[in-house]
N, C-alpha and C. Protein backbone atom coordinates (compact mmCIF):
# COMPACT_ATOMS: atom_id res chain seq x y z
N MET A 1 -3.32 -15.93 -30.04
CA MET A 1 -2.80 -16.28 -28.66
C MET A 1 -1.22 -16.24 -28.45
N GLY A 2 -0.27 -16.30 -29.34
CA GLY A 2 1.02 -16.20 -29.46
C GLY A 2 1.60 -14.89 -29.06
N LYS A 3 1.04 -13.92 -29.60
CA LYS A 3 1.23 -12.49 -29.27
C LYS A 3 1.28 -12.43 -27.81
N ILE A 4 0.19 -12.56 -27.17
CA ILE A 4 0.06 -12.36 -25.83
C ILE A 4 1.23 -12.87 -24.92
N ASP A 5 1.60 -14.20 -25.52
CA ASP A 5 2.47 -14.92 -24.74
C ASP A 5 3.99 -13.99 -24.78
N ILE A 6 4.25 -13.63 -25.84
CA ILE A 6 5.54 -12.92 -26.27
C ILE A 6 5.56 -11.53 -25.69
N ASP A 7 4.55 -11.08 -25.53
CA ASP A 7 4.38 -9.69 -24.75
C ASP A 7 4.68 -9.78 -23.42
N LEU A 8 4.19 -10.83 -22.79
CA LEU A 8 4.11 -11.15 -21.33
C LEU A 8 5.59 -11.69 -21.12
N SER A 9 6.27 -12.32 -21.91
CA SER A 9 7.62 -12.88 -21.69
C SER A 9 8.66 -11.55 -21.67
N LYS A 10 8.16 -10.91 -22.73
CA LYS A 10 9.10 -9.67 -22.93
C LYS A 10 9.11 -8.65 -21.76
N ALA A 11 8.02 -8.15 -21.41
CA ALA A 11 7.84 -7.53 -20.45
C ALA A 11 8.45 -8.19 -18.93
N ILE A 12 8.33 -9.62 -18.77
CA ILE A 12 8.89 -9.92 -17.54
C ILE A 12 10.48 -10.09 -17.87
N GLY A 13 10.90 -10.36 -18.83
CA GLY A 13 12.36 -10.34 -19.11
C GLY A 13 12.82 -8.86 -18.94
N GLN A 14 12.15 -7.68 -19.59
CA GLN A 14 12.63 -6.34 -19.41
C GLN A 14 12.71 -6.24 -17.84
N ALA A 15 11.76 -6.62 -16.90
CA ALA A 15 11.66 -6.13 -15.53
C ALA A 15 12.81 -6.92 -14.70
N GLU A 16 13.03 -8.23 -15.11
CA GLU A 16 14.13 -8.94 -14.59
C GLU A 16 15.32 -8.29 -14.95
N GLU A 17 15.47 -7.60 -16.08
CA GLU A 17 16.93 -6.99 -16.38
C GLU A 17 17.22 -5.73 -15.59
N LEU A 18 16.03 -5.04 -15.51
CA LEU A 18 16.02 -3.87 -14.66
C LEU A 18 16.28 -4.09 -13.00
N GLU A 19 15.74 -5.60 -12.65
CA GLU A 19 16.16 -5.88 -11.29
C GLU A 19 17.74 -6.21 -11.47
N ARG A 20 18.25 -6.78 -12.50
CA ARG A 20 19.37 -7.13 -12.39
C ARG A 20 20.54 -5.73 -12.37
N ILE A 21 20.13 -4.67 -12.98
CA ILE A 21 20.89 -3.74 -13.04
C ILE A 21 20.58 -2.90 -11.88
N SER A 22 19.61 -2.84 -11.14
CA SER A 22 19.21 -2.23 -9.69
C SER A 22 20.13 -2.95 -8.77
N ASN A 23 20.13 -4.31 -8.61
CA ASN A 23 21.13 -5.13 -7.59
C ASN A 23 22.61 -4.63 -8.16
N LYS A 24 22.83 -4.58 -9.21
CA LYS A 24 24.70 -4.20 -9.46
C LYS A 24 24.63 -2.77 -8.96
N LEU A 25 23.75 -2.00 -9.31
CA LEU A 25 23.86 -0.49 -8.91
C LEU A 25 23.86 -0.45 -7.42
N SER A 26 23.12 -1.10 -6.51
CA SER A 26 23.20 -1.12 -5.18
C SER A 26 24.45 -1.84 -4.61
N GLN A 27 24.85 -2.79 -5.36
CA GLN A 27 26.36 -3.49 -5.08
C GLN A 27 27.47 -2.72 -4.96
N ILE A 28 27.40 -2.01 -6.33
CA ILE A 28 28.44 -1.04 -6.26
C ILE A 28 28.57 0.17 -5.60
N ALA A 29 27.57 0.53 -4.93
CA ALA A 29 27.41 1.79 -4.11
C ALA A 29 27.77 1.16 -2.71
N LYS A 30 27.24 0.00 -2.22
CA LYS A 30 27.45 -0.33 -1.05
C LYS A 30 28.84 -0.87 -0.77
N GLN A 31 29.33 -1.44 -1.56
CA GLN A 31 30.79 -2.31 -1.75
C GLN A 31 31.98 -1.15 -2.12
N ASN A 32 31.97 -1.24 -3.61
CA ASN A 32 32.90 -0.33 -3.93
C ASN A 32 33.20 1.13 -3.58
N MET A 33 32.09 1.76 -3.66
CA MET A 33 32.15 3.30 -3.14
C MET A 33 32.18 3.58 -1.77
N SER A 34 31.58 2.41 -1.13
CA SER A 34 31.91 2.61 0.39
C SER A 34 33.46 2.47 0.88
N ASP A 35 34.05 1.34 0.07
CA ASP A 35 35.32 1.12 0.19
C ASP A 35 36.32 2.11 -0.15
N SER A 36 35.91 2.67 -0.98
CA SER A 36 36.87 4.06 -1.60
C SER A 36 36.53 4.90 -0.50
N ILE A 37 35.52 5.46 0.00
CA ILE A 37 35.28 6.34 0.88
C ILE A 37 35.96 6.08 1.97
N SER A 38 35.93 4.85 2.57
CA SER A 38 36.69 4.28 3.71
C SER A 38 38.31 4.75 3.58
N ASN A 39 38.73 4.36 2.47
CA ASN A 39 40.21 4.56 2.39
C ASN A 39 40.46 5.88 2.20
N ILE A 40 39.61 6.76 1.56
CA ILE A 40 40.04 8.23 1.52
C ILE A 40 39.63 8.82 2.93
N TYR A 41 38.87 8.49 3.87
CA TYR A 41 38.79 8.67 5.15
C TYR A 41 39.89 8.65 5.90
N ARG A 42 40.66 7.47 5.82
CA ARG A 42 41.71 6.90 6.42
C ARG A 42 43.14 7.67 5.97
N ASN A 43 43.03 8.10 4.83
CA ASN A 43 44.23 8.81 4.31
C ASN A 43 44.24 10.35 4.18
N TRP A 44 43.00 10.94 4.06
CA TRP A 44 43.01 12.28 3.72
C TRP A 44 42.64 12.89 5.31
N GLU A 45 43.67 13.72 5.66
CA GLU A 45 43.47 14.30 7.09
C GLU A 45 42.83 15.64 6.93
N GLY A 46 42.37 16.14 7.99
CA GLY A 46 41.84 17.37 8.02
C GLY A 46 40.35 17.41 7.61
N ASP A 47 39.52 18.49 7.77
CA ASP A 47 38.02 18.84 7.39
C ASP A 47 37.68 18.49 6.26
N ASN A 48 38.56 18.92 5.21
CA ASN A 48 38.00 18.55 3.73
C ASN A 48 37.92 17.19 3.44
N GLY A 49 38.91 16.38 3.94
CA GLY A 49 38.62 14.86 3.83
C GLY A 49 37.49 14.27 4.61
N ALA A 50 37.08 14.79 5.82
CA ALA A 50 35.92 14.29 6.51
C ALA A 50 34.70 14.70 5.70
N GLU A 51 34.68 16.29 5.01
CA GLU A 51 33.71 16.64 4.51
C GLU A 51 33.16 15.80 3.22
N PHE A 52 34.49 15.76 2.33
CA PHE A 52 34.22 15.04 1.10
C PHE A 52 33.86 13.68 1.44
N CYS A 53 34.00 12.65 2.62
CA CYS A 53 33.73 11.50 3.04
C CYS A 53 32.10 11.50 3.37
N ARG A 54 31.93 12.83 3.96
CA ARG A 54 30.28 12.90 4.25
C ARG A 54 29.43 12.97 2.96
N LYS A 55 29.75 13.69 2.12
CA LYS A 55 29.05 13.83 0.73
C LYS A 55 29.25 12.73 -0.09
N GLY A 56 30.39 12.13 -0.01
CA GLY A 56 30.28 10.65 -0.61
C GLY A 56 29.28 9.56 -0.17
N ASN A 57 29.15 9.71 1.08
CA ASN A 57 28.19 8.78 1.79
C ASN A 57 26.98 9.18 1.43
N VAL A 58 26.58 10.59 1.37
CA VAL A 58 25.23 10.93 0.74
C VAL A 58 24.98 10.26 -0.39
N ILE A 59 25.88 10.35 -1.17
CA ILE A 59 25.74 10.02 -2.66
C ILE A 59 25.56 8.31 -2.34
N VAL A 60 26.16 7.54 -1.81
CA VAL A 60 26.21 6.31 -1.74
C VAL A 60 24.45 5.97 -1.46
N GLU A 61 24.21 6.53 -0.12
CA GLU A 61 22.85 6.49 0.11
C GLU A 61 21.60 6.84 -0.95
N ASP A 62 21.93 7.93 -1.53
CA ASP A 62 21.17 7.93 -2.69
C ASP A 62 20.94 6.94 -3.94
N ILE A 63 22.19 6.49 -4.12
CA ILE A 63 22.10 5.56 -4.96
C ILE A 63 21.58 4.42 -4.43
N ASP A 64 21.62 3.99 -3.43
CA ASP A 64 21.17 2.85 -2.84
C ASP A 64 19.49 2.86 -2.80
N GLU A 65 19.24 4.05 -2.36
CA GLU A 65 17.65 4.28 -2.62
C GLU A 65 17.21 4.32 -3.80
N LEU A 66 17.70 4.84 -5.11
CA LEU A 66 17.45 4.91 -6.31
C LEU A 66 17.42 3.13 -6.76
N ALA A 67 18.17 2.11 -6.46
CA ALA A 67 18.36 1.09 -6.82
C ALA A 67 17.13 0.24 -6.26
N THR A 68 16.52 0.73 -4.94
CA THR A 68 15.42 -0.03 -4.37
C THR A 68 14.21 0.51 -5.09
N LYS A 69 14.36 1.69 -5.41
CA LYS A 69 13.01 2.05 -6.33
C LYS A 69 13.14 1.58 -7.64
N LEU A 70 14.20 1.26 -8.12
CA LEU A 70 14.22 0.62 -9.54
C LEU A 70 13.52 -0.81 -9.26
N ASN A 71 13.95 -1.45 -8.31
CA ASN A 71 13.47 -2.93 -7.84
C ASN A 71 11.98 -2.77 -7.81
N SER A 72 11.52 -2.10 -7.11
CA SER A 72 10.01 -1.66 -6.89
C SER A 72 9.29 -1.42 -8.27
N VAL A 73 9.97 -0.96 -9.06
CA VAL A 73 9.31 -0.35 -10.60
C VAL A 73 9.21 -1.92 -11.33
N ALA A 74 10.27 -2.51 -10.86
CA ALA A 74 10.38 -3.91 -11.95
C ALA A 74 9.47 -4.69 -11.35
N ALA A 75 9.13 -4.86 -10.14
CA ALA A 75 8.03 -5.58 -9.51
C ALA A 75 6.88 -5.06 -9.83
N LYS A 76 6.53 -3.79 -10.18
CA LYS A 76 5.21 -3.29 -10.61
C LYS A 76 5.04 -3.70 -12.16
N ILE A 77 6.29 -3.79 -12.83
CA ILE A 77 6.02 -3.94 -14.23
C ILE A 77 5.38 -5.44 -14.40
N LYS A 78 6.02 -6.43 -13.46
CA LYS A 78 5.39 -7.71 -13.59
C LYS A 78 4.30 -7.83 -13.06
N VAL A 79 3.82 -7.06 -12.15
CA VAL A 79 2.44 -7.33 -11.71
C VAL A 79 1.32 -6.66 -12.76
N VAL A 80 1.76 -5.42 -13.62
CA VAL A 80 1.06 -5.26 -14.52
C VAL A 80 0.85 -5.82 -15.70
N ALA A 81 2.05 -6.46 -16.14
CA ALA A 81 2.10 -7.31 -17.27
C ALA A 81 1.39 -8.45 -16.97
N LYS A 82 1.46 -9.18 -15.76
CA LYS A 82 0.45 -10.40 -15.79
C LYS A 82 -0.93 -10.19 -15.91
N ARG A 83 -1.42 -8.84 -14.89
CA ARG A 83 -2.86 -8.49 -14.96
C ARG A 83 -3.14 -8.34 -16.51
N THR A 84 -2.27 -7.73 -17.21
CA THR A 84 -2.87 -7.21 -18.86
C THR A 84 -2.96 -8.63 -19.36
N TYR A 85 -1.65 -9.24 -19.29
CA TYR A 85 -1.90 -10.95 -20.00
C TYR A 85 -3.28 -11.61 -19.54
N ASP A 86 -3.54 -11.58 -18.30
CA ASP A 86 -4.70 -12.37 -17.91
C ASP A 86 -6.02 -11.66 -18.45
N ALA A 87 -6.12 -10.24 -18.58
CA ALA A 87 -7.21 -9.72 -19.17
C ALA A 87 -7.32 -9.79 -20.28
N GLU A 88 -6.22 -9.93 -21.24
CA GLU A 88 -6.20 -10.17 -22.63
C GLU A 88 -6.82 -11.47 -23.03
N LYS A 89 -6.13 -12.52 -22.06
CA LYS A 89 -6.44 -13.88 -22.20
C LYS A 89 -8.09 -14.22 -22.14
N LYS A 90 -8.56 -13.48 -20.99
CA LYS A 90 -9.92 -13.63 -20.62
C LYS A 90 -10.89 -13.05 -21.92
N ILE A 91 -10.35 -11.74 -22.27
CA ILE A 91 -11.15 -11.36 -23.68
C ILE A 91 -10.96 -12.23 -24.77
N GLN A 92 -10.06 -12.68 -25.11
CA GLN A 92 -9.71 -13.57 -25.96
C GLN A 92 -10.50 -15.06 -25.93
N ASP A 93 -10.72 -15.44 -24.88
CA ASP A 93 -11.73 -16.55 -24.65
C ASP A 93 -12.96 -16.44 -24.68
N ILE A 94 -13.65 -15.16 -24.26
CA ILE A 94 -15.01 -14.65 -24.36
C ILE A 94 -15.24 -14.55 -25.99
N ALA A 95 -14.11 -13.93 -26.69
CA ALA A 95 -14.27 -14.05 -28.25
C ALA A 95 -14.78 -15.14 -28.83
N MET A 96 -13.86 -16.13 -28.25
CA MET A 96 -13.89 -17.54 -28.79
C MET A 96 -14.97 -18.20 -28.46
N LYS A 97 -15.69 -17.78 -27.37
CA LYS A 97 -16.88 -18.58 -27.16
C LYS A 97 -18.20 -17.82 -27.62
N ARG A 98 -18.13 -16.68 -28.06
CA ARG A 98 -19.18 -15.82 -28.41
C ARG A 98 -19.82 -16.54 -29.87
N THR A 99 -20.97 -16.70 -29.58
CA THR A 99 -21.88 -17.07 -30.94
C THR A 99 -22.71 -16.02 -31.33
N TYR A 100 -22.84 -15.97 -32.77
CA TYR A 100 -23.66 -14.84 -33.23
C TYR A 100 -24.72 -15.49 -34.00
N GLU A 101 -26.00 -14.83 -33.55
CA GLU A 101 -27.32 -15.40 -34.06
C GLU A 101 -27.75 -14.45 -35.05
């Protein structure tokens, strides 16, 4: 029985680490990169500056979208881990109750 518990907690722990990484990634994109792009926009005059900032904003959106997808993956990992745990536990319970004649 112990092996099932360890596997579940490991999967949940890895999913939570993925959530932390994706949240940090989103935070960097939304705050740090956006602030940098705003500073560049204010200080770089001309069409090239505006184009650079436009492309930078596209990258920020892409990174944020990736972070959202990583959070979704983490949630799915948790669901699959729990379902697998429950199924293994049920199989184990059935095996313990089985009688051989």
